[in-house]
Amino acid sequence: FSQNFRCLGVDCSAQAIAMARAKYPKCRFMCGKMPESLWDTAGWTALYILMDVLEHIDEDRKFLADVVSLSRPGGHVLVTVPAKPILWSGHDVAAVHQRRYEPDTLTDLWRGLPVEARAVTYFNARLYGAIWAARVIGKRVGLFRGQAGSDFSMPPAILNSLLTWIFAGESRRVSGLLANPPTKPYGTGVSLLALLRRTG
């Protein structure tokens, strides 16, 4: 994607910035904080991407409002967050999450802001059953022994490829939400996605 667009990545972790620069050398990255580090991008940025960001923020609504204020009319903000409080586990603790969202608690974040939701859907739906079992049943029986009880670990390469293929198979349906007529959103999933358009 960096060959077609000017991209800027911002993170407060120097380690994360170093890893991103190594993987995407044609993109620009800076170690900083949102939204202070992005004031000079207001007016020309077409898309702000907040992927698994808001669940880490104390004042998530204010943070989103600040990003919306940076957006130009017609610009977009893409948000992804972890879904389903029932899935809360040591994995969330290890990842320093403050919350998981339901559709209504997510949409409440932009209520009254000058945006329209072009798409709202669950995703990571195809693996929901397996992840539900891992998170809900696993924590009850003490299955996980990672940091803070996290279930995170890199699976064998062949299994990782299979899981990636299953997950990637959702892309057509999710992107189809922007088509006319749109596809049906997923009714459940491990995460939620929203694409917001600045209206004024």
N, C-alpha and C. Protein backbone atom coordinates (compact mmCIF):
# COMPACT_ATOMS: atom_id res chain seq x y z
N PHE A 1 0.82 -1.19 0.00
CA PHE A 1 0.00 0.00 0.00
C PHE A 1 0.86 1.25 0.00
N SER A 2 2.09 1.19 0.53
CA SER A 2 2.92 2.38 0.64
C SER A 2 3.41 2.87 -0.72
N GLN A 3 3.28 2.06 -1.76
CA GLN A 3 3.68 2.48 -3.09
C GLN A 3 2.64 3.39 -3.73
N ASN A 4 1.42 3.35 -3.23
CA ASN A 4 0.35 4.12 -3.84
C ASN A 4 -0.07 5.34 -3.01
N PHE A 5 0.30 5.37 -1.74
CA PHE A 5 -0.14 6.44 -0.86
C PHE A 5 1.01 6.89 0.03
N ARG A 6 0.94 8.13 0.47
CA ARG A 6 1.84 8.60 1.52
C ARG A 6 1.30 8.10 2.85
N CYS A 7 2.13 7.41 3.60
CA CYS A 7 1.68 6.79 4.85
C CYS A 7 2.54 7.27 6.01
N LEU A 8 1.89 7.51 7.13
CA LEU A 8 2.58 7.91 8.35
C LEU A 8 2.06 7.06 9.49
N GLY A 9 2.94 6.40 10.19
CA GLY A 9 2.58 5.60 11.35
C GLY A 9 3.10 6.25 12.62
N VAL A 10 2.25 6.28 13.65
CA VAL A 10 2.62 6.90 14.93
C VAL A 10 2.41 5.89 16.04
N ASP A 11 3.39 5.77 16.93
CA ASP A 11 3.27 4.89 18.09
C ASP A 11 4.16 5.46 19.19
N CYS A 12 3.74 5.25 20.43
CA CYS A 12 4.54 5.76 21.55
C CYS A 12 5.69 4.82 21.90
N SER A 13 5.74 3.64 21.27
CA SER A 13 6.79 2.65 21.55
C SER A 13 7.90 2.74 20.51
N ALA A 14 9.11 3.04 20.95
CA ALA A 14 10.24 3.09 20.04
C ALA A 14 10.51 1.72 19.41
N GLN A 15 10.28 0.66 20.17
CA GLN A 15 10.48 -0.69 19.65
C GLN A 15 9.51 -0.98 18.52
N ALA A 16 8.23 -0.58 18.71
CA ALA A 16 7.24 -0.79 17.66
C ALA A 16 7.59 -0.01 16.41
N ILE A 17 8.08 1.21 16.57
CA ILE A 17 8.48 2.03 15.42
C ILE A 17 9.64 1.38 14.68
N ALA A 18 10.62 0.87 15.41
CA ALA A 18 11.76 0.22 14.77
C ALA A 18 11.33 -1.00 13.98
N MET A 19 10.42 -1.80 14.52
CA MET A 19 9.92 -2.98 13.82
C MET A 19 9.14 -2.59 12.56
N ALA A 20 8.34 -1.54 12.68
CA ALA A 20 7.54 -1.08 11.53
C ALA A 20 8.45 -0.56 10.42
N ARG A 21 9.47 0.20 10.78
CA ARG A 21 10.39 0.73 9.77
C ARG A 21 11.11 -0.39 9.04
N ALA A 22 11.46 -1.45 9.76
CA ALA A 22 12.14 -2.57 9.13
C ALA A 22 11.23 -3.30 8.16
N LYS A 23 9.95 -3.39 8.49
CA LYS A 23 9.01 -4.13 7.64
C LYS A 23 8.50 -3.28 6.49
N TYR A 24 8.33 -1.97 6.73
CA TYR A 24 7.79 -1.08 5.69
C TYR A 24 8.72 0.10 5.50
N PRO A 25 9.87 -0.12 4.86
CA PRO A 25 10.88 0.94 4.76
C PRO A 25 10.45 2.14 3.93
N LYS A 26 9.42 2.01 3.11
CA LYS A 26 8.99 3.13 2.27
C LYS A 26 7.97 4.02 2.98
N CYS A 27 7.53 3.61 4.16
CA CYS A 27 6.59 4.42 4.94
C CYS A 27 7.36 5.29 5.93
N ARG A 28 6.71 6.34 6.36
CA ARG A 28 7.26 7.22 7.37
C ARG A 28 6.66 6.86 8.73
N PHE A 29 7.50 6.77 9.74
CA PHE A 29 7.03 6.46 11.09
C PHE A 29 7.63 7.46 12.07
N MET A 30 6.88 7.74 13.12
CA MET A 30 7.40 8.62 14.17
C MET A 30 6.97 8.10 15.53
N CYS A 31 7.84 8.30 16.50
CA CYS A 31 7.53 7.95 17.87
C CYS A 31 6.89 9.18 18.51
N GLY A 32 5.63 9.05 18.87
CA GLY A 32 4.92 10.20 19.40
C GLY A 32 3.57 9.78 19.94
N LYS A 33 2.73 10.76 20.20
CA LYS A 33 1.40 10.51 20.75
C LYS A 33 0.34 11.14 19.87
N MET A 34 -0.82 10.52 19.87
CA MET A 34 -1.98 11.04 19.16
C MET A 34 -2.80 11.88 20.14
N PRO A 35 -3.42 12.96 19.70
CA PRO A 35 -3.35 13.51 18.34
C PRO A 35 -2.26 14.55 18.17
N GLU A 36 -1.48 14.83 19.24
CA GLU A 36 -0.52 15.93 19.18
C GLU A 36 0.45 15.81 18.01
N SER A 37 0.87 14.59 17.71
CA SER A 37 1.88 14.38 16.66
C SER A 37 1.31 14.53 15.26
N LEU A 38 -0.01 14.70 15.15
CA LEU A 38 -0.63 14.70 13.83
C LEU A 38 -1.28 16.03 13.45
N TRP A 39 -1.05 17.07 14.23
CA TRP A 39 -1.71 18.34 13.89
C TRP A 39 -1.32 18.81 12.50
N ASP A 40 -0.05 18.58 12.09
CA ASP A 40 0.38 19.08 10.78
C ASP A 40 -0.14 18.23 9.63
N THR A 41 -0.80 17.12 9.93
CA THR A 41 -1.38 16.29 8.85
C THR A 41 -2.83 16.67 8.56
N ALA A 42 -3.44 17.46 9.44
CA ALA A 42 -4.84 17.82 9.26
C ALA A 42 -5.01 18.54 7.93
N GLY A 43 -6.02 18.15 7.19
CA GLY A 43 -6.30 18.80 5.92
C GLY A 43 -5.89 18.00 4.71
N TRP A 44 -4.85 17.18 4.84
CA TRP A 44 -4.45 16.39 3.67
C TRP A 44 -4.61 14.89 3.88
N THR A 45 -4.80 14.44 5.09
CA THR A 45 -4.93 13.01 5.35
C THR A 45 -6.33 12.52 4.98
N ALA A 46 -6.38 11.51 4.12
CA ALA A 46 -7.67 10.98 3.67
C ALA A 46 -8.21 9.91 4.61
N LEU A 47 -7.33 9.23 5.36
CA LEU A 47 -7.76 8.12 6.19
C LEU A 47 -6.89 8.02 7.43
N TYR A 48 -7.53 8.04 8.59
CA TYR A 48 -6.85 7.74 9.85
C TYR A 48 -7.25 6.33 10.26
N ILE A 49 -6.27 5.53 10.65
CA ILE A 49 -6.51 4.14 11.00
C ILE A 49 -6.18 3.92 12.48
N LEU A 50 -7.20 3.52 13.23
CA LEU A 50 -7.04 3.20 14.66
C LEU A 50 -7.34 1.72 14.84
N MET A 51 -6.34 0.90 14.63
CA MET A 51 -6.54 -0.54 14.70
C MET A 51 -6.09 -1.04 16.07
N ASP A 52 -7.08 -1.47 16.86
CA ASP A 52 -6.84 -1.96 18.22
C ASP A 52 -6.08 -0.90 19.04
N VAL A 53 -6.64 0.29 19.05
CA VAL A 53 -6.08 1.42 19.80
C VAL A 53 -7.01 1.83 20.94
N LEU A 54 -8.30 2.03 20.65
CA LEU A 54 -9.21 2.65 21.61
C LEU A 54 -9.36 1.87 22.90
N GLU A 55 -9.20 0.55 22.83
CA GLU A 55 -9.37 -0.25 24.05
C GLU A 55 -8.26 -0.01 25.07
N HIS A 56 -7.19 0.67 24.64
CA HIS A 56 -6.08 0.98 25.54
C HIS A 56 -6.21 2.36 26.18
N ILE A 57 -7.18 3.16 25.72
CA ILE A 57 -7.26 4.57 26.09
C ILE A 57 -8.26 4.79 27.21
N ASP A 58 -7.87 5.56 28.21
CA ASP A 58 -8.80 5.89 29.31
C ASP A 58 -10.04 6.59 28.77
N GLU A 59 -9.85 7.69 28.08
CA GLU A 59 -10.95 8.47 27.54
C GLU A 59 -11.09 8.17 26.05
N ASP A 60 -11.66 7.02 25.74
CA ASP A 60 -11.71 6.58 24.36
C ASP A 60 -12.57 7.48 23.48
N ARG A 61 -13.68 7.99 24.02
CA ARG A 61 -14.52 8.88 23.23
C ARG A 61 -13.79 10.19 22.89
N LYS A 62 -13.11 10.78 23.87
CA LYS A 62 -12.37 12.01 23.62
C LYS A 62 -11.26 11.78 22.60
N PHE A 63 -10.60 10.64 22.71
CA PHE A 63 -9.52 10.32 21.77
C PHE A 63 -10.07 10.25 20.35
N LEU A 64 -11.20 9.55 20.18
CA LEU A 64 -11.79 9.44 18.85
C LEU A 64 -12.25 10.82 18.36
N ALA A 65 -12.82 11.63 19.24
CA ALA A 65 -13.26 12.97 18.86
C ALA A 65 -12.08 13.81 18.38
N ASP A 66 -10.93 13.67 19.03
CA ASP A 66 -9.75 14.41 18.62
C ASP A 66 -9.30 14.00 17.22
N VAL A 67 -9.35 12.69 16.93
CA VAL A 67 -8.97 12.22 15.60
C VAL A 67 -9.96 12.72 14.56
N VAL A 68 -11.25 12.67 14.88
CA VAL A 68 -12.26 13.18 13.95
C VAL A 68 -12.02 14.65 13.66
N SER A 69 -11.62 15.40 14.69
CA SER A 69 -11.37 16.83 14.50
C SER A 69 -10.21 17.08 13.54
N LEU A 70 -9.30 16.12 13.43
CA LEU A 70 -8.19 16.25 12.49
C LEU A 70 -8.62 15.95 11.05
N SER A 71 -9.69 15.20 10.90
CA SER A 71 -10.11 14.74 9.59
C SER A 71 -10.69 15.89 8.77
N ARG A 72 -10.47 15.84 7.48
CA ARG A 72 -11.06 16.82 6.57
C ARG A 72 -12.45 16.34 6.19
N PRO A 73 -13.34 17.25 5.78
CA PRO A 73 -14.66 16.82 5.30
C PRO A 73 -14.53 15.79 4.18
N GLY A 74 -15.23 14.68 4.31
CA GLY A 74 -15.12 13.60 3.35
C GLY A 74 -14.04 12.59 3.69
N GLY A 75 -13.19 12.92 4.66
CA GLY A 75 -12.15 11.99 5.09
C GLY A 75 -12.74 10.88 5.94
N HIS A 76 -11.94 9.84 6.17
CA HIS A 76 -12.44 8.66 6.86
C HIS A 76 -11.57 8.31 8.07
N VAL A 77 -12.21 7.65 9.03
CA VAL A 77 -11.51 7.07 10.19
C VAL A 77 -11.93 5.60 10.27
N LEU A 78 -10.95 4.71 10.23
CA LEU A 78 -11.19 3.28 10.34
C LEU A 78 -10.82 2.83 11.74
N VAL A 79 -11.76 2.18 12.42
CA VAL A 79 -11.57 1.76 13.80
C VAL A 79 -11.77 0.25 13.92
N THR A 80 -10.87 -0.42 14.61
CA THR A 80 -11.11 -1.81 15.02
C THR A 80 -10.85 -1.91 16.51
N VAL A 81 -11.67 -2.72 17.18
CA VAL A 81 -11.55 -2.92 18.63
C VAL A 81 -11.89 -4.37 18.95
N PRO A 82 -11.41 -4.89 20.07
CA PRO A 82 -11.83 -6.22 20.50
C PRO A 82 -13.29 -6.20 20.94
N ALA A 83 -14.01 -7.26 20.65
CA ALA A 83 -15.45 -7.33 20.93
C ALA A 83 -15.74 -8.35 22.02
N LYS A 84 -16.97 -8.27 22.53
CA LYS A 84 -17.54 -9.26 23.43
C LYS A 84 -16.84 -9.31 24.80
N PRO A 85 -17.38 -8.58 25.78
CA PRO A 85 -16.83 -8.67 27.13
C PRO A 85 -16.76 -10.09 27.67
N ILE A 86 -17.62 -10.98 27.17
CA ILE A 86 -17.58 -12.37 27.63
C ILE A 86 -16.24 -13.04 27.30
N LEU A 87 -15.53 -12.49 26.31
CA LEU A 87 -14.25 -13.05 25.91
C LEU A 87 -13.09 -12.51 26.75
N TRP A 88 -13.39 -11.62 27.70
CA TRP A 88 -12.31 -11.07 28.53
C TRP A 88 -11.55 -12.18 29.23
N SER A 89 -10.23 -12.10 29.15
CA SER A 89 -9.39 -13.13 29.75
C SER A 89 -8.03 -12.54 30.08
N GLY A 90 -7.14 -13.38 30.54
CA GLY A 90 -5.77 -12.95 30.79
C GLY A 90 -5.09 -12.40 29.56
N HIS A 91 -5.57 -12.80 28.40
CA HIS A 91 -5.02 -12.26 27.15
C HIS A 91 -5.20 -10.75 27.10
N ASP A 92 -6.38 -10.27 27.53
CA ASP A 92 -6.65 -8.83 27.54
C ASP A 92 -5.78 -8.14 28.58
N VAL A 93 -5.60 -8.79 29.71
CA VAL A 93 -4.77 -8.21 30.76
C VAL A 93 -3.34 -8.06 30.27
N ALA A 94 -2.81 -9.10 29.64
CA ALA A 94 -1.45 -9.06 29.13
C ALA A 94 -1.29 -8.00 28.05
N ALA A 95 -2.35 -7.77 27.26
CA ALA A 95 -2.31 -6.77 26.19
C ALA A 95 -2.63 -5.37 26.68
N VAL A 96 -2.88 -5.23 27.98
CA VAL A 96 -3.18 -3.94 28.61
C VAL A 96 -4.46 -3.33 28.02
N HIS A 97 -5.45 -4.18 27.77
CA HIS A 97 -6.76 -3.67 27.36
C HIS A 97 -7.50 -3.14 28.58
N GLN A 98 -8.30 -2.11 28.35
CA GLN A 98 -9.17 -1.61 29.40
C GLN A 98 -10.60 -2.10 29.26
N ARG A 99 -10.95 -2.55 28.07
CA ARG A 99 -12.33 -2.98 27.83
C ARG A 99 -12.41 -3.75 26.52
N ARG A 100 -13.50 -4.49 26.36
CA ARG A 100 -13.93 -5.03 25.08
C ARG A 100 -15.29 -4.41 24.78
N TYR A 101 -15.66 -4.31 23.52
CA TYR A 101 -16.83 -3.54 23.12
C TYR A 101 -17.96 -4.40 22.60
N GLU A 102 -19.17 -3.89 22.75
CA GLU A 102 -20.34 -4.37 22.05
C GLU A 102 -20.67 -3.33 20.98
N PRO A 103 -21.50 -3.67 19.98
CA PRO A 103 -21.82 -2.68 18.95
C PRO A 103 -22.36 -1.36 19.51
N ASP A 104 -23.20 -1.43 20.55
CA ASP A 104 -23.77 -0.19 21.07
C ASP A 104 -22.73 0.64 21.82
N THR A 105 -21.82 0.01 22.55
CA THR A 105 -20.80 0.80 23.25
C THR A 105 -19.79 1.39 22.27
N LEU A 106 -19.60 0.73 21.13
CA LEU A 106 -18.73 1.29 20.11
C LEU A 106 -19.40 2.48 19.42
N THR A 107 -20.64 2.32 18.99
CA THR A 107 -21.32 3.41 18.27
C THR A 107 -21.55 4.61 19.18
N ASP A 108 -21.65 4.39 20.49
CA ASP A 108 -21.80 5.51 21.42
C ASP A 108 -20.60 6.45 21.36
N LEU A 109 -19.44 5.95 20.95
CA LEU A 109 -18.24 6.77 20.94
C LEU A 109 -18.32 7.92 19.95
N TRP A 110 -19.05 7.75 18.86
CA TRP A 110 -19.13 8.85 17.89
C TRP A 110 -20.50 9.51 17.84
N ARG A 111 -21.36 9.18 18.79
CA ARG A 111 -22.65 9.83 18.83
C ARG A 111 -22.48 11.33 19.06
N GLY A 112 -23.06 12.14 18.20
CA GLY A 112 -22.95 13.59 18.30
C GLY A 112 -21.75 14.18 17.59
N LEU A 113 -20.84 13.34 17.09
CA LEU A 113 -19.69 13.83 16.34
C LEU A 113 -20.07 14.01 14.87
N PRO A 114 -19.37 14.87 14.13
CA PRO A 114 -19.72 15.12 12.72
C PRO A 114 -19.23 14.02 11.79
N VAL A 115 -19.76 12.81 12.02
CA VAL A 115 -19.40 11.66 11.19
C VAL A 115 -20.64 10.83 10.89
N GLU A 116 -20.56 10.05 9.82
CA GLU A 116 -21.56 9.03 9.53
C GLU A 116 -20.85 7.70 9.43
N ALA A 117 -21.51 6.66 9.91
CA ALA A 117 -20.92 5.32 9.86
C ALA A 117 -21.23 4.69 8.51
N ARG A 118 -20.23 4.48 7.70
CA ARG A 118 -20.41 3.83 6.42
C ARG A 118 -20.49 2.31 6.56
N ALA A 119 -19.88 1.79 7.60
CA ALA A 119 -19.92 0.34 7.85
C ALA A 119 -19.63 0.09 9.31
N VAL A 120 -20.38 -0.84 9.89
CA VAL A 120 -20.11 -1.33 11.25
C VAL A 120 -20.37 -2.82 11.23
N THR A 121 -19.40 -3.61 11.63
CA THR A 121 -19.58 -5.06 11.61
C THR A 121 -18.62 -5.74 12.58
N TYR A 122 -19.03 -6.89 13.06
CA TYR A 122 -18.08 -7.79 13.69
C TYR A 122 -17.15 -8.32 12.59
N PHE A 123 -15.99 -8.78 13.00
CA PHE A 123 -15.14 -9.58 12.10
C PHE A 123 -14.35 -10.56 12.95
N ASN A 124 -13.49 -11.32 12.31
CA ASN A 124 -12.91 -12.52 12.93
C ASN A 124 -14.05 -13.38 13.45
N ALA A 125 -15.03 -13.56 12.58
CA ALA A 125 -16.25 -14.30 12.92
C ALA A 125 -16.07 -15.81 12.72
N ARG A 126 -15.32 -16.19 11.70
CA ARG A 126 -15.18 -17.61 11.39
C ARG A 126 -14.43 -18.38 12.46
N LEU A 127 -13.60 -17.69 13.20
CA LEU A 127 -12.83 -18.34 14.26
C LEU A 127 -13.43 -18.08 15.64
N TYR A 128 -14.63 -17.48 15.66
CA TYR A 128 -15.21 -17.08 16.94
C TYR A 128 -15.41 -18.28 17.87
N GLY A 129 -15.94 -19.36 17.36
CA GLY A 129 -16.20 -20.53 18.20
C GLY A 129 -14.95 -21.05 18.87
N ALA A 130 -13.88 -21.16 18.10
CA ALA A 130 -12.63 -21.67 18.65
C ALA A 130 -12.05 -20.71 19.68
N ILE A 131 -12.13 -19.41 19.38
CA ILE A 131 -11.58 -18.42 20.30
C ILE A 131 -12.44 -18.33 21.55
N TRP A 132 -13.76 -18.44 21.39
CA TRP A 132 -14.65 -18.45 22.56
C TRP A 132 -14.27 -19.60 23.48
N ALA A 133 -14.08 -20.77 22.91
CA ALA A 133 -13.72 -21.94 23.72
C ALA A 133 -12.39 -21.72 24.43
N ALA A 134 -11.43 -21.15 23.69
CA ALA A 134 -10.11 -20.92 24.28
C ALA A 134 -10.18 -19.92 25.42
N ARG A 135 -10.94 -18.84 25.22
CA ARG A 135 -10.96 -17.77 26.22
C ARG A 135 -11.87 -18.13 27.40
N VAL A 136 -13.09 -18.57 27.11
CA VAL A 136 -14.07 -18.79 28.17
C VAL A 136 -13.80 -20.09 28.93
N ILE A 137 -13.64 -21.18 28.17
CA ILE A 137 -13.40 -22.46 28.83
C ILE A 137 -11.97 -22.55 29.34
N GLY A 138 -11.04 -22.03 28.53
CA GLY A 138 -9.63 -22.11 28.90
C GLY A 138 -9.31 -21.44 30.21
N LYS A 139 -9.91 -20.27 30.44
CA LYS A 139 -9.59 -19.57 31.69
C LYS A 139 -10.24 -20.27 32.89
N ARG A 140 -11.36 -20.96 32.66
CA ARG A 140 -12.01 -21.67 33.76
C ARG A 140 -11.22 -22.87 34.24
N VAL A 141 -10.54 -23.51 33.30
CA VAL A 141 -9.79 -24.71 33.67
C VAL A 141 -8.30 -24.43 33.84
N GLY A 142 -7.92 -23.14 33.74
CA GLY A 142 -6.53 -22.78 33.93
C GLY A 142 -5.63 -23.33 32.84
N LEU A 143 -6.12 -23.24 31.59
CA LEU A 143 -5.39 -23.84 30.48
C LEU A 143 -4.12 -23.07 30.12
N PHE A 144 -4.14 -21.74 30.31
CA PHE A 144 -3.05 -20.91 29.80
C PHE A 144 -2.08 -20.52 30.90
N ARG A 145 -0.84 -20.49 30.54
CA ARG A 145 0.21 -20.19 31.51
C ARG A 145 1.14 -19.09 31.00
N GLY A 146 0.70 -18.33 30.00
CA GLY A 146 1.52 -17.24 29.49
C GLY A 146 1.47 -16.05 30.43
N GLN A 147 2.07 -14.94 30.00
CA GLN A 147 2.08 -13.73 30.82
C GLN A 147 0.66 -13.33 31.17
N ALA A 148 0.39 -13.15 32.45
CA ALA A 148 -0.93 -12.75 32.94
C ALA A 148 -2.02 -13.72 32.48
N GLY A 149 -1.65 -14.95 32.22
CA GLY A 149 -2.64 -15.92 31.77
C GLY A 149 -3.00 -15.78 30.31
N SER A 150 -2.16 -15.12 29.52
CA SER A 150 -2.46 -14.93 28.10
C SER A 150 -2.44 -16.25 27.35
N ASP A 151 -3.29 -16.33 26.30
CA ASP A 151 -3.28 -17.51 25.44
C ASP A 151 -2.46 -17.27 24.19
N PHE A 152 -1.70 -16.17 24.16
CA PHE A 152 -0.97 -15.83 22.94
C PHE A 152 0.30 -16.66 22.81
N SER A 153 0.42 -17.29 21.66
CA SER A 153 1.66 -17.98 21.29
C SER A 153 1.60 -18.21 19.79
N MET A 154 2.77 -18.30 19.16
CA MET A 154 2.82 -18.51 17.73
C MET A 154 2.60 -19.99 17.44
N PRO A 155 1.54 -20.32 16.68
CA PRO A 155 1.29 -21.73 16.38
C PRO A 155 2.28 -22.24 15.34
N PRO A 156 2.34 -23.56 15.14
CA PRO A 156 3.18 -24.10 14.08
C PRO A 156 2.84 -23.46 12.74
N ALA A 157 3.82 -23.38 11.85
CA ALA A 157 3.67 -22.64 10.59
C ALA A 157 2.47 -23.10 9.77
N ILE A 158 2.25 -24.40 9.68
CA ILE A 158 1.15 -24.89 8.86
C ILE A 158 -0.20 -24.50 9.46
N LEU A 159 -0.31 -24.54 10.79
CA LEU A 159 -1.54 -24.13 11.45
C LEU A 159 -1.73 -22.63 11.33
N ASN A 160 -0.64 -21.88 11.46
CA ASN A 160 -0.72 -20.43 11.32
C ASN A 160 -1.20 -20.04 9.92
N SER A 161 -0.72 -20.75 8.91
CA SER A 161 -1.15 -20.48 7.53
C SER A 161 -2.63 -20.78 7.35
N LEU A 162 -3.10 -21.85 7.96
CA LEU A 162 -4.52 -22.20 7.87
C LEU A 162 -5.38 -21.14 8.54
N LEU A 163 -4.99 -20.72 9.73
CA LEU A 163 -5.75 -19.70 10.45
C LEU A 163 -5.76 -18.38 9.67
N THR A 164 -4.63 -18.03 9.08
CA THR A 164 -4.54 -16.82 8.26
C THR A 164 -5.49 -16.90 7.08
N TRP A 165 -5.54 -18.06 6.43
CA TRP A 165 -6.43 -18.25 5.28
C TRP A 165 -7.90 -18.12 5.68
N ILE A 166 -8.25 -18.71 6.81
CA ILE A 166 -9.63 -18.62 7.30
C ILE A 166 -9.99 -17.16 7.60
N PHE A 167 -9.11 -16.49 8.29
CA PHE A 167 -9.36 -15.09 8.67
C PHE A 167 -9.44 -14.20 7.43
N ALA A 168 -8.52 -14.37 6.50
CA ALA A 168 -8.50 -13.54 5.29
C ALA A 168 -9.74 -13.76 4.44
N GLY A 169 -10.37 -14.92 4.58
CA GLY A 169 -11.57 -15.21 3.80
C GLY A 169 -12.74 -14.30 4.12
N GLU A 170 -12.65 -13.53 5.21
CA GLU A 170 -13.73 -12.61 5.57
C GLU A 170 -13.63 -11.27 4.83
N SER A 171 -12.53 -11.02 4.16
CA SER A 171 -12.27 -9.69 3.60
C SER A 171 -13.32 -9.29 2.56
N ARG A 172 -13.76 -10.23 1.72
CA ARG A 172 -14.72 -9.88 0.67
C ARG A 172 -16.05 -9.44 1.28
N ARG A 173 -16.51 -10.16 2.29
CA ARG A 173 -17.79 -9.80 2.91
C ARG A 173 -17.69 -8.46 3.64
N VAL A 174 -16.58 -8.23 4.34
CA VAL A 174 -16.42 -6.97 5.07
C VAL A 174 -16.33 -5.80 4.11
N SER A 175 -15.51 -5.91 3.07
CA SER A 175 -15.40 -4.82 2.10
C SER A 175 -16.70 -4.65 1.31
N GLY A 176 -17.49 -5.73 1.21
CA GLY A 176 -18.75 -5.66 0.50
C GLY A 176 -19.79 -4.80 1.21
N LEU A 177 -19.54 -4.45 2.46
CA LEU A 177 -20.45 -3.56 3.17
C LEU A 177 -20.51 -2.18 2.54
N LEU A 178 -19.48 -1.83 1.77
CA LEU A 178 -19.44 -0.53 1.11
C LEU A 178 -20.00 -0.58 -0.30
N ALA A 179 -20.42 -1.75 -0.73
CA ALA A 179 -20.97 -1.90 -2.08
C ALA A 179 -22.44 -1.48 -2.10
N ASN A 180 -23.01 -1.45 -3.28
CA ASN A 180 -24.43 -1.11 -3.44
C ASN A 180 -25.10 -2.17 -4.30
N PRO A 181 -25.94 -3.06 -3.71
CA PRO A 181 -26.31 -3.10 -2.30
C PRO A 181 -25.20 -3.70 -1.45
N PRO A 182 -25.17 -3.35 -0.17
CA PRO A 182 -24.11 -3.87 0.70
C PRO A 182 -24.34 -5.32 1.08
N THR A 183 -23.27 -5.99 1.46
CA THR A 183 -23.39 -7.34 2.00
C THR A 183 -23.88 -7.25 3.44
N LYS A 184 -24.31 -8.38 3.98
CA LYS A 184 -24.80 -8.42 5.35
C LYS A 184 -23.62 -8.46 6.32
N PRO A 185 -23.63 -7.62 7.35
CA PRO A 185 -22.53 -7.66 8.32
C PRO A 185 -22.54 -8.95 9.11
N TYR A 186 -21.39 -9.30 9.67
CA TYR A 186 -21.32 -10.48 10.54
C TYR A 186 -22.09 -10.21 11.83
N GLY A 187 -22.82 -11.21 12.30
CA GLY A 187 -23.64 -11.06 13.49
C GLY A 187 -22.89 -11.26 14.80
N THR A 188 -21.70 -11.82 14.73
CA THR A 188 -20.86 -11.98 15.91
C THR A 188 -19.43 -12.11 15.46
N GLY A 189 -18.52 -11.98 16.38
CA GLY A 189 -17.11 -12.08 16.04
C GLY A 189 -16.24 -11.69 17.22
N VAL A 190 -14.95 -11.86 17.06
CA VAL A 190 -14.00 -11.56 18.12
C VAL A 190 -13.69 -10.06 18.18
N SER A 191 -13.87 -9.38 17.05
CA SER A 191 -13.56 -7.96 16.97
C SER A 191 -14.68 -7.21 16.26
N LEU A 192 -14.64 -5.89 16.39
CA LEU A 192 -15.58 -5.01 15.71
C LEU A 192 -14.81 -4.04 14.83
N LEU A 193 -15.43 -3.66 13.73
CA LEU A 193 -14.85 -2.71 12.78
C LEU A 193 -15.87 -1.64 12.46
N ALA A 194 -15.43 -0.41 12.36
CA ALA A 194 -16.28 0.69 11.93
C ALA A 194 -15.50 1.59 10.98
N LEU A 195 -16.15 1.99 9.90
CA LEU A 195 -15.57 2.97 8.97
C LEU A 195 -16.44 4.22 9.04
N LEU A 196 -15.85 5.31 9.50
CA LEU A 196 -16.57 6.57 9.69
C LEU A 196 -16.15 7.58 8.64
N ARG A 197 -17.11 8.37 8.18
CA ARG A 197 -16.83 9.43 7.21
C ARG A 197 -17.13 10.78 7.84
N ARG A 198 -16.19 11.70 7.76
CA ARG A 198 -16.38 13.04 8.30
C ARG A 198 -17.39 13.78 7.42
N THR A 199 -18.41 14.34 8.04
CA THR A 199 -19.51 14.96 7.28
C THR A 199 -19.42 16.49 7.25
N GLY A 200 -18.70 17.09 8.14
CA GLY A 200 -18.66 18.54 8.14
C GLY A 200 -17.55 19.07 9.02
